[in-house]
Amino acid sequence: MERDSDMQVVTGLADPVRARLYQAVANSSGPIGRDEAASAAGIGRPLAAYHLDKLVELGLLTASYQRPAGRVGPGAGRPAKVYARSRREFAVSVPPREYELAARLLAAAVDADTGGASRLMLLDAAREFGTELGAEIGLPGDAKPGAVPAVKAVLRQYGYEPRTGEDGLVELHNCPFHRLVASHQDLVCGMNLALIQGLMSAIDAPGVRPSLDPKPERCCVVLGPARQGEAALS
């Protein structure tokens, strides 16, 4: 049964070495090899290879083969095995609970409200929750440089996996509500945006603006500089 399979996966991560390796792969911006994963986990390469392949068997990671960057042609050597986090999702609750079903039904009810009142109430609730999260951070008035790192820490706590790119744009590499996106994308994206807008409104981070920029394999919201003449929040 699927629940039994999910339980097996979760118990597999109870091994501390396996958990460190999974976290190393999950935190990487792209697939990583055995040497890099071993170094991040603080273990030897052979042990890392064994546990990485076990994580693939459990469905937590995927494996592929890539040549090292910049090496092409006949003398480039054999492609190396690299690992990436699987897009498969696992959920375990004891005793069994169906929170996802409740979320799907609630989302369907909101979308079915053609008057839009339910959607507005949802966005207001999301924005208020974000504001409460921001207020809990409690940055002092002179701590503006720490505002964005503090926001990222909160978003990381709720599963958004924020990462700052070379262009300074903060992308959220995971949507905590991913399973709802397929059938309720506009609703979920609007809720994410409202929550993060509320969070930013409670923190003095001038020039930083959350906006919608949907792309595959990540959350639809990004945090970037506000355009000239534009308020940080709109």
C-alpha atoms as a PDB file:
ATOM      1  CA  MET A   1       0.000   0.000   0.000  1.00  0.00           C
ATOM      2  CA  GLU A   2       1.095   3.586  -0.626  1.00  0.00           C
ATOM      3  CA  ARG A   3       0.949   4.494   3.074  1.00  0.00           C
ATOM      4  CA  ASP A   4       3.245   1.583   3.925  1.00  0.00           C
ATOM      5  CA  SER A   5       5.658   2.659   1.198  1.00  0.00           C
ATOM      6  CA  ASP A   6       5.714   6.221   2.502  1.00  0.00           C
ATOM      7  CA  MET A   7       6.360   4.953   6.018  1.00  0.00           C
ATOM      8  CA  GLN A   8       9.313   2.924   4.765  1.00  0.00           C
ATOM      9  CA  VAL A   9      10.765   6.026   3.114  1.00  0.00           C
ATOM     10  CA  VAL A  10      10.426   8.150   6.229  1.00  0.00           C
ATOM     11  CA  THR A  11      11.988   5.520   8.454  1.00  0.00           C
ATOM     12  CA  GLY A  12      14.812   5.263   5.917  1.00  0.00           C
ATOM     13  CA  LEU A  13      15.703   8.875   6.660  1.00  0.00           C
ATOM     14  CA  ALA A  14      15.998   8.056  10.358  1.00  0.00           C
ATOM     15  CA  ASP A  15      19.570   7.000   9.600  1.00  0.00           C
ATOM     16  CA  PRO A  16      21.627  10.161  10.327  1.00  0.00           C
ATOM     17  CA  VAL A  17      24.121   9.541   7.512  1.00  0.00           C
ATOM     18  CA  ARG A  18      21.333   9.027   5.009  1.00  0.00           C
ATOM     19  CA  ALA A  19      19.559  12.139   6.284  1.00  0.00           C
ATOM     20  CA  ARG A  20      22.718  14.275   5.874  1.00  0.00           C
ATOM     21  CA  LEU A  21      23.240  13.015   2.343  1.00  0.00           C
ATOM     22  CA  TYR A  22      19.627  13.704   1.408  1.00  0.00           C
ATOM     23  CA  GLN A  23      19.880  17.230   2.815  1.00  0.00           C
ATOM     24  CA  ALA A  24      23.106  17.847   0.898  1.00  0.00           C
ATOM     25  CA  VAL A  25      21.459  16.853  -2.377  1.00  0.00           C
ATOM     26  CA  ALA A  26      18.251  18.745  -1.584  1.00  0.00           C
ATOM     27  CA  ASN A  27      20.153  21.950  -0.786  1.00  0.00           C
ATOM     28  CA  SER A  28      22.137  21.870  -4.005  1.00  0.00           C
ATOM     29  CA  SER A  29      21.062  24.083  -6.908  1.00  0.00           C
ATOM     30  CA  GLY A  30      21.686  21.181  -9.308  1.00  0.00           C
ATOM     31  CA  PRO A  31      22.631  17.488  -9.384  1.00  0.00           C
ATOM     32  CA  ILE A  32      25.750  16.632  -7.387  1.00  0.00           C
ATOM     33  CA  GLY A  33      28.209  13.757  -7.530  1.00  0.00           C
ATOM     34  CA  ARG A  34      29.312  11.295  -4.909  1.00  0.00           C
ATOM     35  CA  ASP A  35      32.454  13.219  -3.940  1.00  0.00           C
ATOM     36  CA  GLU A  36      30.551  16.444  -3.312  1.00  0.00           C
ATOM     37  CA  ALA A  37      27.815  14.660  -1.370  1.00  0.00           C
ATOM     38  CA  ALA A  38      30.364  12.744   0.715  1.00  0.00           C
ATOM     39  CA  SER A  39      32.206  15.962   1.564  1.00  0.00           C
ATOM     40  CA  ALA A  40      28.990  17.720   2.578  1.00  0.00           C
ATOM     41  CA  ALA A  41      27.974  14.798   4.808  1.00  0.00           C
ATOM     42  CA  GLY A  42      31.443  14.385   6.297  1.00  0.00           C
ATOM     43  CA  ILE A  43      31.860  10.737   5.276  1.00  0.00           C
ATOM     44  CA  GLY A  44      33.930   8.683   2.847  1.00  0.00           C
ATOM     45  CA  ARG A  45      33.003   8.275  -0.812  1.00  0.00           C
ATOM     46  CA  PRO A  46      32.255   4.500  -0.715  1.00  0.00           C
ATOM     47  CA  LEU A  47      29.828   4.910   2.200  1.00  0.00           C
ATOM     48  CA  ALA A  48      28.228   7.903   0.478  1.00  0.00           C
ATOM     49  CA  ALA A  49      27.780   5.923  -2.745  1.00  0.00           C
ATOM     50  CA  TYR A  50      26.054   3.093  -0.866  1.00  0.00           C
ATOM     51  CA  HIS A  51      23.579   5.356   0.937  1.00  0.00           C
ATOM     52  CA  LEU A  52      22.932   7.572  -2.097  1.00  0.00           C
ATOM     53  CA  ASP A  53      21.912   4.541  -4.118  1.00  0.00           C
ATOM     54  CA  LYS A  54      19.677   3.396  -1.257  1.00  0.00           C
ATOM     55  CA  LEU A  55      17.984   6.812  -1.329  1.00  0.00           C
ATOM     56  CA  VAL A  56      17.405   6.300  -5.051  1.00  0.00           C
ATOM     57  CA  GLU A  57      15.821   2.909  -4.345  1.00  0.00           C
ATOM     58  CA  LEU A  58      13.499   4.551  -1.813  1.00  0.00           C
ATOM     59  CA  GLY A  59      12.437   7.125  -4.391  1.00  0.00           C
ATOM     60  CA  LEU A  60      13.845  10.106  -2.482  1.00  0.00           C
ATOM     61  CA  LEU A  61      16.578  10.809  -5.039  1.00  0.00           C
ATOM     62  CA  THR A  62      17.010  10.322  -8.758  1.00  0.00           C
ATOM     63  CA  ALA A  63      20.275   9.356 -10.425  1.00  0.00           C
ATOM     64  CA  SER A  64      21.680  10.258 -13.822  1.00  0.00           C
ATOM     65  CA  TYR A  65      25.061  10.524 -15.518  1.00  0.00           C
ATOM     66  CA  GLN A  66      26.890  13.728 -16.452  1.00  0.00           C
ATOM     67  CA  ARG A  67      30.367  14.583 -17.658  1.00  0.00           C
ATOM     68  CA  PRO A  68      32.269  17.081 -15.487  1.00  0.00           C
ATOM     69  CA  ALA A  69      31.705  20.694 -16.540  1.00  0.00           C
ATOM     70  CA  GLY A  70      33.998  21.807 -19.347  1.00  0.00           C
ATOM     71  CA  ARG A  71      35.084  18.273 -20.323  1.00  0.00           C
ATOM     72  CA  VAL A  72      33.912  17.101 -23.731  1.00  0.00           C
ATOM     73  CA  GLY A  73      35.135  14.857 -26.509  1.00  0.00           C
ATOM     74  CA  PRO A  74      36.916  11.479 -26.520  1.00  0.00           C
ATOM     75  CA  GLY A  75      39.290  12.382 -23.684  1.00  0.00           C
ATOM     76  CA  ALA A  76      36.645  13.641 -21.329  1.00  0.00           C
ATOM     77  CA  GLY A  77      36.309  10.324 -19.534  1.00  0.00           C
ATOM     78  CA  ARG A  78      33.210   8.450 -18.486  1.00  0.00           C
ATOM     79  CA  PRO A  79      30.196  10.405 -17.280  1.00  0.00           C
ATOM     80  CA  ALA A  80      29.935  10.515 -13.489  1.00  0.00           C
ATOM     81  CA  LYS A  81      26.871   9.455 -11.547  1.00  0.00           C
ATOM     82  CA  VAL A  82      25.044  12.437 -10.081  1.00  0.00           C
ATOM     83  CA  TYR A  83      22.042  12.727  -7.803  1.00  0.00           C
ATOM     84  CA  ALA A  84      19.100  15.102  -7.532  1.00  0.00           C
ATOM     85  CA  ARG A  85      16.072  15.248  -5.287  1.00  0.00           C
ATOM     86  CA  SER A  86      13.086  13.332  -6.580  1.00  0.00           C
ATOM     87  CA  ARG A  87       9.913  15.268  -7.386  1.00  0.00           C
ATOM     88  CA  ARG A  88       7.889  12.487  -5.760  1.00  0.00           C
ATOM     89  CA  GLU A  89       6.092  13.514  -2.563  1.00  0.00           C
ATOM     90  CA  PHE A  90       5.677  11.496   0.621  1.00  0.00           C
ATOM     91  CA  ALA A  91       3.258  12.046   3.488  1.00  0.00           C
ATOM     92  CA  VAL A  92       2.903  10.011   6.655  1.00  0.00           C
ATOM     93  CA  SER A  93       0.566  10.542   9.587  1.00  0.00           C
ATOM     94  CA  VAL A  94      -0.136   8.213  12.470  1.00  0.00           C
ATOM     95  CA  PRO A  95      -3.018   7.514  12.691  1.00  0.00           C
ATOM     96  CA  PRO A  96      -3.881   8.261   9.035  1.00  0.00           C
ATOM     97  CA  ARG A  97      -5.171  11.762   8.311  1.00  0.00           C
ATOM     98  CA  GLU A  98      -6.404  13.284   5.043  1.00  0.00           C
ATOM     99  CA  TYR A  99      -5.354  16.929   5.305  1.00  0.00           C
ATOM    100  CA  GLU A 100      -4.643  17.084   1.578  1.00  0.00           C
ATOM    101  CA  LEU A 101      -8.213  16.002   0.803  1.00  0.00           C
ATOM    102  CA  ALA A 102      -9.537  18.761   3.062  1.00  0.00           C
ATOM    103  CA  ALA A 103      -7.318  21.293   1.285  1.00  0.00           C
ATOM    104  CA  ARG A 104      -8.543  20.132  -2.135  1.00  0.00           C
ATOM    105  CA  LEU A 105     -12.182  20.390  -1.092  1.00  0.00           C
ATOM    106  CA  LEU A 106     -11.692  23.841   0.422  1.00  0.00           C
ATOM    107  CA  ALA A 107      -9.851  25.061  -2.670  1.00  0.00           C
ATOM    108  CA  ALA A 108     -12.621  23.707  -4.896  1.00  0.00           C
ATOM    109  CA  ALA A 109     -15.220  25.518  -2.798  1.00  0.00           C
ATOM    110  CA  VAL A 110     -13.333  28.817  -3.048  1.00  0.00           C
ATOM    111  CA  ASP A 111     -12.940  28.473  -6.815  1.00  0.00           C
ATOM    112  CA  ALA A 112     -16.646  27.653  -7.137  1.00  0.00           C
ATOM    113  CA  ASP A 113     -17.626  30.938  -5.483  1.00  0.00           C
ATOM    114  CA  THR A 114     -18.267  33.018  -8.601  1.00  0.00           C
ATOM    115  CA  GLY A 115     -18.873  36.117  -6.489  1.00  0.00           C
ATOM    116  CA  GLY A 116     -15.234  36.103  -5.353  1.00  0.00           C
ATOM    117  CA  ALA A 117     -15.981  36.726  -1.658  1.00  0.00           C
ATOM    118  CA  SER A 118     -14.395  33.436  -0.562  1.00  0.00           C
ATOM    119  CA  ARG A 119     -11.213  34.168  -2.513  1.00  0.00           C
ATOM    120  CA  LEU A 120     -10.905  37.629  -0.973  1.00  0.00           C
ATOM    121  CA  MET A 121     -11.331  36.167   2.505  1.00  0.00           C
ATOM    122  CA  LEU A 122      -8.651  33.560   1.799  1.00  0.00           C
ATOM    123  CA  LEU A 123      -6.192  36.184   0.550  1.00  0.00           C
ATOM    124  CA  ASP A 124      -6.925  38.380   3.565  1.00  0.00           C
ATOM    125  CA  ALA A 125      -6.293  35.427   5.889  1.00  0.00           C
ATOM    126  CA  ALA A 126      -3.021  34.578   4.104  1.00  0.00           C
ATOM    127  CA  ARG A 127      -1.864  38.202   4.242  1.00  0.00           C
ATOM    128  CA  GLU A 128      -2.732  38.448   7.936  1.00  0.00           C
ATOM    129  CA  PHE A 129      -0.845  35.230   8.698  1.00  0.00           C
ATOM    130  CA  GLY A 130       2.202  36.569   6.856  1.00  0.00           C
ATOM    131  CA  THR A 131       2.000  39.820   8.816  1.00  0.00           C
ATOM    132  CA  GLU A 132       1.925  37.872  12.072  1.00  0.00           C
ATOM    133  CA  LEU A 133       4.995  35.905  11.013  1.00  0.00           C
ATOM    134  CA  GLY A 134       6.829  39.134  10.208  1.00  0.00           C
ATOM    135  CA  ALA A 135       5.877  40.678  13.530  1.00  0.00           C
ATOM    136  CA  GLU A 136       7.290  37.640  15.349  1.00  0.00           C
ATOM    137  CA  ILE A 137      10.724  38.232  13.808  1.00  0.00           C
ATOM    138  CA  GLY A 138      10.964  41.462  15.797  1.00  0.00           C
ATOM    139  CA  LEU A 139      13.864  43.115  13.979  1.00  0.00           C
ATOM    140  CA  PRO A 140      15.079  46.304  15.693  1.00  0.00           C
ATOM    141  CA  GLY A 141      14.711  49.542  13.766  1.00  0.00           C
ATOM    142  CA  ASP A 142      18.361  49.644  12.710  1.00  0.00           C
ATOM    143  CA  ALA A 143      18.431  46.070  11.380  1.00  0.00           C
ATOM    144  CA  LYS A 144      17.283  46.717   7.805  1.00  0.00           C
ATOM    145  CA  PRO A 145      20.268  44.844   6.269  1.00  0.00           C
ATOM    146  CA  GLY A 146      19.080  41.727   8.104  1.00  0.00           C
ATOM    147  CA  ALA A 147      15.513  41.941   6.825  1.00  0.00           C
ATOM    148  CA  VAL A 148      15.851  39.753   3.732  1.00  0.00           C
ATOM    149  CA  PRO A 149      17.882  37.015   5.522  1.00  0.00           C
ATOM    150  CA  ALA A 150      15.218  37.013   8.246  1.00  0.00           C
ATOM    151  CA  VAL A 151      12.468  36.660   5.646  1.00  0.00           C
ATOM    152  CA  LYS A 152      14.350  33.799   4.013  1.00  0.00           C
ATOM    153  CA  ALA A 153      14.682  32.049   7.385  1.00  0.00           C
ATOM    154  CA  VAL A 154      10.915  32.238   7.930  1.00  0.00           C
ATOM    155  CA  LEU A 155      10.144  31.026   4.407  1.00  0.00           C
ATOM    156  CA  ARG A 156      12.611  28.171   4.846  1.00  0.00           C
ATOM    157  CA  GLN A 157      10.808  27.164   8.044  1.00  0.00           C
ATOM    158  CA  TYR A 158       7.573  26.804   6.074  1.00  0.00           C
ATOM    159  CA  GLY A 159       9.128  24.776   3.263  1.00  0.00           C
ATOM    160  CA  TYR A 160       9.592  27.393   0.521  1.00  0.00           C
ATOM    161  CA  GLU A 161      13.368  26.764   0.176  1.00  0.00           C
ATOM    162  CA  PRO A 162      14.457  30.329  -0.712  1.00  0.00           C
ATOM    163  CA  ARG A 163      17.717  30.772  -2.615  1.00  0.00           C
ATOM    164  CA  THR A 164      19.335  33.988  -3.785  1.00  0.00           C
ATOM    165  CA  GLY A 165      20.648  33.913  -7.354  1.00  0.00           C
ATOM    166  CA  GLU A 166      23.617  35.775  -8.773  1.00  0.00           C
ATOM    167  CA  ASP A 167      21.247  38.521  -9.937  1.00  0.00           C
ATOM    168  CA  GLY A 168      20.056  39.069  -6.358  1.00  0.00           C
ATOM    169  CA  LEU A 169      16.621  37.617  -7.070  1.00  0.00           C
ATOM    170  CA  VAL A 170      15.302  35.355  -4.309  1.00  0.00           C
ATOM    171  CA  GLU A 171      13.571  32.341  -5.825  1.00  0.00           C
ATOM    172  CA  LEU A 172      11.496  29.887  -3.806  1.00  0.00           C
ATOM    173  CA  HIS A 173      12.519  26.438  -4.992  1.00  0.00           C
ATOM    174  CA  ASN A 174       9.612  24.609  -3.407  1.00  0.00           C
ATOM    175  CA  CYS A 175       5.895  25.277  -3.219  1.00  0.00           C
ATOM    176  CA  PRO A 176       4.521  23.766   0.018  1.00  0.00           C
ATOM    177  CA  PHE A 177       1.144  23.425  -1.717  1.00  0.00           C
ATOM    178  CA  HIS A 178       2.465  21.807  -4.885  1.00  0.00           C
ATOM    179  CA  ARG A 179      -0.254  19.142  -5.181  1.00  0.00           C
ATOM    180  CA  LEU A 180      -2.953  21.799  -5.305  1.00  0.00           C
ATOM    181  CA  VAL A 181      -1.266  23.770  -8.080  1.00  0.00           C
ATOM    182  CA  ALA A 182      -2.318  21.376 -10.848  1.00  0.00           C
ATOM    183  CA  SER A 183      -6.017  22.039 -10.262  1.00  0.00           C
ATOM    184  CA  HIS A 184      -6.006  25.426  -8.472  1.00  0.00           C
ATOM    185  CA  GLN A 185      -2.919  27.293  -9.692  1.00  0.00           C
ATOM    186  CA  ASP A 186      -4.357  30.821  -9.660  1.00  0.00           C
ATOM    187  CA  LEU A 187      -5.748  30.336  -6.179  1.00  0.00           C
ATOM    188  CA  VAL A 188      -2.538  28.855  -4.746  1.00  0.00           C
ATOM    189  CA  CYS A 189      -0.287  31.446  -6.390  1.00  0.00           C
ATOM    190  CA  GLY A 190      -2.474  34.265  -5.131  1.00  0.00           C
ATOM    191  CA  MET A 191      -2.412  32.802  -1.618  1.00  0.00           C
ATOM    192  CA  ASN A 192       1.385  32.486  -1.689  1.00  0.00           C
ATOM    193  CA  LEU A 193       1.770  36.048  -2.888  1.00  0.00           C
ATOM    194  CA  ALA A 194      -0.618  37.432  -0.245  1.00  0.00           C
ATOM    195  CA  LEU A 195       1.171  35.549   2.541  1.00  0.00           C
ATOM    196  CA  ILE A 196       4.591  36.839   1.492  1.00  0.00           C
ATOM    197  CA  GLN A 197       3.262  40.354   0.975  1.00  0.00           C
ATOM    198  CA  GLY A 198       1.989  40.257   4.563  1.00  0.00           C
ATOM    199  CA  LEU A 199       5.356  39.012   5.749  1.00  0.00           C
ATOM    200  CA  MET A 200       7.215  41.788   3.940  1.00  0.00           C
ATOM    201  CA  SER A 201       4.790  44.460   5.144  1.00  0.00           C
ATOM    202  CA  ALA A 202       5.735  43.695   8.752  1.00  0.00           C
ATOM    203  CA  ILE A 203       9.466  44.064   8.038  1.00  0.00           C
ATOM    204  CA  ASP A 204      11.194  47.222   6.893  1.00  0.00           C
ATOM    205  CA  ALA A 205      12.939  45.987   3.751  1.00  0.00           C
ATOM    206  CA  PRO A 206      12.957  48.981   1.379  1.00  0.00           C
ATOM    207  CA  GLY A 207      13.180  48.228  -2.305  1.00  0.00           C
ATOM    208  CA  VAL A 208      12.240  44.545  -2.001  1.00  0.00           C
ATOM    209  CA  ARG A 209       9.059  43.465  -3.748  1.00  0.00           C
ATOM    210  CA  PRO A 210       7.351  40.068  -3.927  1.00  0.00           C
ATOM    211  CA  SER A 211       5.810  39.385  -7.316  1.00  0.00           C
ATOM    212  CA  LEU A 212       4.394  36.542  -9.373  1.00  0.00           C
ATOM    213  CA  ASP A 213       6.747  34.888 -11.838  1.00  0.00           C
ATOM    214  CA  PRO A 214       5.542  31.276 -12.284  1.00  0.00           C
ATOM    215  CA  LYS A 215       8.094  28.797 -13.621  1.00  0.00           C
ATOM    216  CA  PRO A 216       8.252  25.003 -13.553  1.00  0.00           C
ATOM    217  CA  GLU A 217       9.654  23.254 -10.483  1.00  0.00           C
ATOM    218  CA  ARG A 218       9.439  26.220  -8.094  1.00  0.00           C
ATOM    219  CA  CYS A 219       7.014  28.508  -6.283  1.00  0.00           C
ATOM    220  CA  CYS A 220       5.330  31.190  -8.367  1.00  0.00           C
ATOM    221  CA  VAL A 221       6.528  34.049  -6.103  1.00  0.00           C
ATOM    222  CA  VAL A 222       9.934  35.700  -6.329  1.00  0.00           C
ATOM    223  CA  LEU A 223      11.485  38.457  -4.230  1.00  0.00           C
ATOM    224  CA  GLY A 224      13.347  41.113  -6.158  1.00  0.00           C
ATOM    225  CA  PRO A 225      14.125  44.817  -6.256  1.00  0.00           C
ATOM    226  CA  ALA A 226      11.184  47.139  -6.745  1.00  0.00           C
ATOM    227  CA  ARG A 227      11.315  49.106  -9.982  1.00  0.00           C
ATOM    228  CA  GLN A 228      12.213  52.772  -9.765  1.00  0.00           C
ATOM    229  CA  GLY A 229       9.252  54.830  -8.618  1.00  0.00           C
ATOM    230  CA  GLU A 230       7.381  51.713  -7.471  1.00  0.00           C
ATOM    231  CA  ALA A 231       6.524  50.955  -3.870  1.00  0.00           C
ATOM    232  CA  ALA A 232       8.244  47.970  -2.313  1.00  0.00           C
ATOM    233  CA  LEU A 233       4.854  46.323  -1.948  1.00  0.00           C
ATOM    234  CA  SER A 234       2.033  46.641  -4.430  1.00  0.00           C
END
